[in-house]
Amino acid sequence: MMQYVIYLYTILTIFGFWLALQISKRWKSMIFNTFVLTVSILVLILVVGDIPYDDYMAGNAPINNLLGVSIVALALPLYEQLRQIAKQWKIILSVVTLASLFSMFTGAIFAIILGASPEMVATVLPKSITTPIAMEVSSHLGGIPAVTAVGVVVAGLQGSVFGYLIL
């Protein structure tokens, strides 16, 4: 029975998300982004409760295991729009390629301007792709995968916070 107690961290994560959702609905503002609030709430609980991060991650395995499935589920809407995508493939490919190159090179240029080492530049380059792929690319380029993961999260946060404003 005791080994299942650790999975209460999954309920904690769901509660943190629910609370963040309530706050976000109440005060409609890009500052009260659900993801940012959820992370903030969970960090606060882990720090105040002196809960080891490794224990939290182990207990959160049920939710973490769903991440791969949810990414695959994103393919369904793309598949449903396959005909439209096929008609516009040249434009889509061009925009995605240019945006990817722009994102990579602006991060690298800022890192160089700020005096970053080649290792840190390699760490920053893959910041705008999914975390597992970015970590692997960073590793192959000689970067630091853990720092790359943080960069991906920060880039994602920027997109989720400012995306509505820009669009």
C-alpha atoms as a PDB file:
ATOM      1  CA  MET A   1       0.000   0.000   0.000  1.00  0.00           C
ATOM      2  CA  MET A   2       2.789   2.429   0.900  1.00  0.00           C
ATOM      3  CA  GLN A   3       4.366   2.318  -2.578  1.00  0.00           C
ATOM      4  CA  TYR A   4       1.166   3.728  -4.098  1.00  0.00           C
ATOM      5  CA  VAL A   5       1.157   6.822  -1.856  1.00  0.00           C
ATOM      6  CA  ILE A   6       3.768   8.420  -4.136  1.00  0.00           C
ATOM      7  CA  TYR A   7       1.149   8.579  -6.906  1.00  0.00           C
ATOM      8  CA  LEU A   8      -0.698  11.222  -4.907  1.00  0.00           C
ATOM      9  CA  TYR A   9       1.695  13.623  -6.655  1.00  0.00           C
ATOM     10  CA  THR A  10      -0.340  13.016  -9.807  1.00  0.00           C
ATOM     11  CA  ILE A  11      -3.416  14.282  -7.945  1.00  0.00           C
ATOM     12  CA  LEU A  12      -1.333  17.234  -6.733  1.00  0.00           C
ATOM     13  CA  THR A  13      -0.456  18.085 -10.350  1.00  0.00           C
ATOM     14  CA  ILE A  14      -4.087  17.850 -11.430  1.00  0.00           C
ATOM     15  CA  PHE A  15      -5.117  20.036  -8.471  1.00  0.00           C
ATOM     16  CA  GLY A  16      -2.429  22.595  -9.373  1.00  0.00           C
ATOM     17  CA  PHE A  17      -3.715  22.726 -12.958  1.00  0.00           C
ATOM     18  CA  TRP A  18      -7.339  23.005 -11.796  1.00  0.00           C
ATOM     19  CA  LEU A  19      -6.454  25.867  -9.433  1.00  0.00           C
ATOM     20  CA  ALA A  20      -4.506  27.638 -12.191  1.00  0.00           C
ATOM     21  CA  LEU A  21      -7.458  27.208 -14.542  1.00  0.00           C
ATOM     22  CA  GLN A  22      -9.810  28.796 -11.987  1.00  0.00           C
ATOM     23  CA  ILE A  23      -7.442  31.747 -11.514  1.00  0.00           C
ATOM     24  CA  SER A  24      -7.029  32.147 -15.269  1.00  0.00           C
ATOM     25  CA  LYS A  25     -10.809  32.118 -15.819  1.00  0.00           C
ATOM     26  CA  ARG A  26     -11.391  34.606 -13.014  1.00  0.00           C
ATOM     27  CA  TRP A  27      -8.738  37.123 -14.078  1.00  0.00           C
ATOM     28  CA  LYS A  28      -8.536  36.970 -17.839  1.00  0.00           C
ATOM     29  CA  SER A  29      -5.026  38.216 -18.502  1.00  0.00           C
ATOM     30  CA  MET A  30      -2.026  36.944 -20.412  1.00  0.00           C
ATOM     31  CA  ILE A  31      -0.074  37.229 -17.151  1.00  0.00           C
ATOM     32  CA  PHE A  32      -2.297  34.558 -15.596  1.00  0.00           C
ATOM     33  CA  ASN A  33      -1.405  31.952 -18.187  1.00  0.00           C
ATOM     34  CA  THR A  34      -2.563  28.493 -17.061  1.00  0.00           C
ATOM     35  CA  PHE A  35       0.799  26.835 -17.695  1.00  0.00           C
ATOM     36  CA  VAL A  36       2.777  29.523 -15.867  1.00  0.00           C
ATOM     37  CA  LEU A  37       0.364  29.450 -12.936  1.00  0.00           C
ATOM     38  CA  THR A  38       0.419  25.647 -12.720  1.00  0.00           C
ATOM     39  CA  VAL A  39       4.213  25.558 -12.644  1.00  0.00           C
ATOM     40  CA  SER A  40       4.300  28.381 -10.080  1.00  0.00           C
ATOM     41  CA  ILE A  41       1.762  26.657  -7.830  1.00  0.00           C
ATOM     42  CA  LEU A  42       3.589  23.331  -8.012  1.00  0.00           C
ATOM     43  CA  VAL A  43       6.990  24.914  -7.353  1.00  0.00           C
ATOM     44  CA  LEU A  44       5.547  26.740  -4.355  1.00  0.00           C
ATOM     45  CA  ILE A  45       4.036  23.528  -2.962  1.00  0.00           C
ATOM     46  CA  LEU A  46       7.248  21.549  -3.534  1.00  0.00           C
ATOM     47  CA  VAL A  47       9.411  24.224  -1.887  1.00  0.00           C
ATOM     48  CA  VAL A  48       7.095  24.917   1.069  1.00  0.00           C
ATOM     49  CA  GLY A  49       6.393  21.202   1.577  1.00  0.00           C
ATOM     50  CA  ASP A  50      10.108  20.338   1.241  1.00  0.00           C
ATOM     51  CA  ILE A  51       9.172  17.668  -1.301  1.00  0.00           C
ATOM     52  CA  PRO A  52      12.105  16.220  -3.275  1.00  0.00           C
ATOM     53  CA  TYR A  53      11.730  16.840  -7.004  1.00  0.00           C
ATOM     54  CA  ASP A  54      12.761  13.246  -7.810  1.00  0.00           C
ATOM     55  CA  ASP A  55       9.930  11.898  -5.639  1.00  0.00           C
ATOM     56  CA  TYR A  56       7.473  14.278  -7.284  1.00  0.00           C
ATOM     57  CA  MET A  57       8.559  13.209 -10.789  1.00  0.00           C
ATOM     58  CA  ALA A  58       8.382   9.504  -9.875  1.00  0.00           C
ATOM     59  CA  GLY A  59       4.881   9.970  -8.485  1.00  0.00           C
ATOM     60  CA  ASN A  60       3.833  11.957 -11.521  1.00  0.00           C
ATOM     61  CA  ALA A  61       4.669   9.084 -13.893  1.00  0.00           C
ATOM     62  CA  PRO A  62       1.027   8.437 -14.920  1.00  0.00           C
ATOM     63  CA  ILE A  63       0.731  11.954 -16.348  1.00  0.00           C
ATOM     64  CA  ASN A  64       4.251  11.955 -17.797  1.00  0.00           C
ATOM     65  CA  ASN A  65       3.512   8.699 -19.624  1.00  0.00           C
ATOM     66  CA  LEU A  66       0.560  10.360 -21.347  1.00  0.00           C
ATOM     67  CA  LEU A  67       2.792  13.032 -22.890  1.00  0.00           C
ATOM     68  CA  GLY A  68       3.884  10.806 -25.784  1.00  0.00           C
ATOM     69  CA  VAL A  69       0.302   9.759 -26.498  1.00  0.00           C
ATOM     70  CA  SER A  70      -0.884  13.360 -26.498  1.00  0.00           C
ATOM     71  CA  ILE A  71       1.793  14.359 -29.007  1.00  0.00           C
ATOM     72  CA  VAL A  72       0.717  11.540 -31.318  1.00  0.00           C
ATOM     73  CA  ALA A  73      -2.903  12.683 -30.891  1.00  0.00           C
ATOM     74  CA  LEU A  74      -1.927  16.033 -32.387  1.00  0.00           C
ATOM     75  CA  ALA A  75      -1.379  14.223 -35.684  1.00  0.00           C
ATOM     76  CA  LEU A  76      -5.120  13.576 -36.101  1.00  0.00           C
ATOM     77  CA  PRO A  77      -6.111  17.192 -36.873  1.00  0.00           C
ATOM     78  CA  LEU A  78      -3.190  17.388 -39.302  1.00  0.00           C
ATOM     79  CA  TYR A  79      -4.330  14.200 -40.995  1.00  0.00           C
ATOM     80  CA  GLU A  80      -7.869  15.580 -41.267  1.00  0.00           C
ATOM     81  CA  GLN A  81      -6.479  18.642 -43.091  1.00  0.00           C
ATOM     82  CA  LEU A  82      -4.119  16.633 -45.299  1.00  0.00           C
ATOM     83  CA  ARG A  83      -5.730  17.761 -48.575  1.00  0.00           C
ATOM     84  CA  GLN A  84      -5.404  21.443 -47.703  1.00  0.00           C
ATOM     85  CA  ILE A  85      -1.869  20.909 -46.437  1.00  0.00           C
ATOM     86  CA  ALA A  86      -0.958  19.095 -49.649  1.00  0.00           C
ATOM     87  CA  LYS A  87      -2.253  22.017 -51.732  1.00  0.00           C
ATOM     88  CA  GLN A  88      -0.139  24.509 -49.806  1.00  0.00           C
ATOM     89  CA  TRP A  89       2.929  22.346 -49.101  1.00  0.00           C
ATOM     90  CA  LYS A  90       5.428  24.713 -50.747  1.00  0.00           C
ATOM     91  CA  ILE A  91       4.303  27.710 -48.718  1.00  0.00           C
ATOM     92  CA  ILE A  92       4.109  25.688 -45.492  1.00  0.00           C
ATOM     93  CA  LEU A  93       7.568  24.196 -46.033  1.00  0.00           C
ATOM     94  CA  SER A  94       9.043  27.606 -46.839  1.00  0.00           C
ATOM     95  CA  VAL A  95       7.533  29.328 -43.808  1.00  0.00           C
ATOM     96  CA  VAL A  96       8.475  26.519 -41.412  1.00  0.00           C
ATOM     97  CA  THR A  97      12.038  26.396 -42.752  1.00  0.00           C
ATOM     98  CA  LEU A  98      12.546  30.160 -42.629  1.00  0.00           C
ATOM     99  CA  ALA A  99      10.977  30.469 -39.164  1.00  0.00           C
ATOM    100  CA  SER A 100      13.117  27.617 -37.848  1.00  0.00           C
ATOM    101  CA  LEU A 101      16.309  29.105 -39.239  1.00  0.00           C
ATOM    102  CA  PHE A 102      15.371  32.560 -37.942  1.00  0.00           C
ATOM    103  CA  SER A 103      14.669  31.177 -34.481  1.00  0.00           C
ATOM    104  CA  MET A 104      17.911  29.215 -34.338  1.00  0.00           C
ATOM    105  CA  PHE A 105      20.128  31.971 -35.644  1.00  0.00           C
ATOM    106  CA  THR A 106      18.631  34.798 -33.566  1.00  0.00           C
ATOM    107  CA  GLY A 107      19.204  32.751 -30.408  1.00  0.00           C
ATOM    108  CA  ALA A 108      22.750  31.916 -31.478  1.00  0.00           C
ATOM    109  CA  ILE A 109      23.531  35.511 -32.473  1.00  0.00           C
ATOM    110  CA  PHE A 110      22.264  36.853 -29.137  1.00  0.00           C
ATOM    111  CA  ALA A 111      24.313  34.222 -27.316  1.00  0.00           C
ATOM    112  CA  ILE A 112      27.446  35.208 -29.266  1.00  0.00           C
ATOM    113  CA  ILE A 113      26.807  38.933 -28.688  1.00  0.00           C
ATOM    114  CA  LEU A 114      26.456  38.249 -24.965  1.00  0.00           C
ATOM    115  CA  GLY A 115      29.787  36.400 -24.973  1.00  0.00           C
ATOM    116  CA  ALA A 116      28.572  32.814 -24.719  1.00  0.00           C
ATOM    117  CA  SER A 117      30.963  29.934 -25.180  1.00  0.00           C
ATOM    118  CA  PRO A 118      30.587  27.622 -28.221  1.00  0.00           C
ATOM    119  CA  GLU A 119      29.073  25.038 -25.865  1.00  0.00           C
ATOM    120  CA  MET A 120      26.391  27.500 -24.785  1.00  0.00           C
ATOM    121  CA  VAL A 121      25.684  28.533 -28.390  1.00  0.00           C
ATOM    122  CA  ALA A 122      25.151  24.840 -29.227  1.00  0.00           C
ATOM    123  CA  THR A 123      22.844  24.655 -26.219  1.00  0.00           C
ATOM    124  CA  VAL A 124      20.713  27.590 -27.402  1.00  0.00           C
ATOM    125  CA  LEU A 125      20.417  26.606 -31.081  1.00  0.00           C
ATOM    126  CA  PRO A 126      17.644  23.976 -30.810  1.00  0.00           C
ATOM    127  CA  LYS A 127      15.439  25.960 -28.396  1.00  0.00           C
ATOM    128  CA  SER A 128      12.319  26.038 -30.554  1.00  0.00           C
ATOM    129  CA  ILE A 129      11.604  22.361 -31.104  1.00  0.00           C
ATOM    130  CA  THR A 130      10.126  19.733 -28.807  1.00  0.00           C
ATOM    131  CA  THR A 131      12.091  19.078 -25.639  1.00  0.00           C
ATOM    132  CA  PRO A 132      13.245  15.482 -26.315  1.00  0.00           C
ATOM    133  CA  ILE A 133      14.420  16.319 -29.840  1.00  0.00           C
ATOM    134  CA  ALA A 134      16.032  19.584 -28.711  1.00  0.00           C
ATOM    135  CA  MET A 135      17.959  17.776 -25.978  1.00  0.00           C
ATOM    136  CA  GLU A 136      19.241  15.198 -28.443  1.00  0.00           C
ATOM    137  CA  VAL A 137      20.235  17.843 -31.006  1.00  0.00           C
ATOM    138  CA  SER A 138      21.966  19.856 -28.291  1.00  0.00           C
ATOM    139  CA  SER A 139      23.859  16.778 -27.148  1.00  0.00           C
ATOM    140  CA  HIS A 140      25.071  16.045 -30.696  1.00  0.00           C
ATOM    141  CA  LEU A 141      26.145  19.664 -31.191  1.00  0.00           C
ATOM    142  CA  GLY A 142      28.164  19.620 -27.970  1.00  0.00           C
ATOM    143  CA  GLY A 143      25.666  21.591 -25.912  1.00  0.00           C
ATOM    144  CA  ILE A 144      24.179  20.972 -22.492  1.00  0.00           C
ATOM    145  CA  PRO A 145      20.866  19.070 -22.889  1.00  0.00           C
ATOM    146  CA  ALA A 146      19.466  20.035 -19.455  1.00  0.00           C
ATOM    147  CA  VAL A 147      19.942  23.749 -20.178  1.00  0.00           C
ATOM    148  CA  THR A 148      18.427  23.236 -23.626  1.00  0.00           C
ATOM    149  CA  ALA A 149      15.334  21.733 -21.977  1.00  0.00           C
ATOM    150  CA  VAL A 150      14.959  24.889 -19.890  1.00  0.00           C
ATOM    151  CA  GLY A 151      15.368  27.000 -23.046  1.00  0.00           C
ATOM    152  CA  VAL A 152      12.624  25.032 -24.794  1.00  0.00           C
ATOM    153  CA  VAL A 153      10.285  25.563 -21.843  1.00  0.00           C
ATOM    154  CA  VAL A 154      11.061  29.293 -21.761  1.00  0.00           C
ATOM    155  CA  ALA A 155      10.492  29.580 -25.527  1.00  0.00           C
ATOM    156  CA  GLY A 156       7.201  27.717 -25.135  1.00  0.00           C
ATOM    157  CA  LEU A 157       6.157  29.988 -22.298  1.00  0.00           C
ATOM    158  CA  GLN A 158       6.917  33.047 -24.378  1.00  0.00           C
ATOM    159  CA  GLY A 159       4.796  31.646 -27.170  1.00  0.00           C
ATOM    160  CA  SER A 160       1.892  30.797 -24.898  1.00  0.00           C
ATOM    161  CA  VAL A 161       1.974  34.114 -23.046  1.00  0.00           C
ATOM    162  CA  PHE A 162       2.569  36.459 -25.977  1.00  0.00           C
ATOM    163  CA  GLY A 163       1.021  34.336 -28.761  1.00  0.00           C
ATOM    164  CA  TYR A 164      -2.513  35.578 -28.141  1.00  0.00           C
ATOM    165  CA  LEU A 165      -1.322  39.152 -28.006  1.00  0.00           C
ATOM    166  CA  ILE A 166       0.613  38.893 -31.271  1.00  0.00           C
ATOM    167  CA  LEU A 167      -2.010  36.909 -33.164  1.00  0.00           C
END
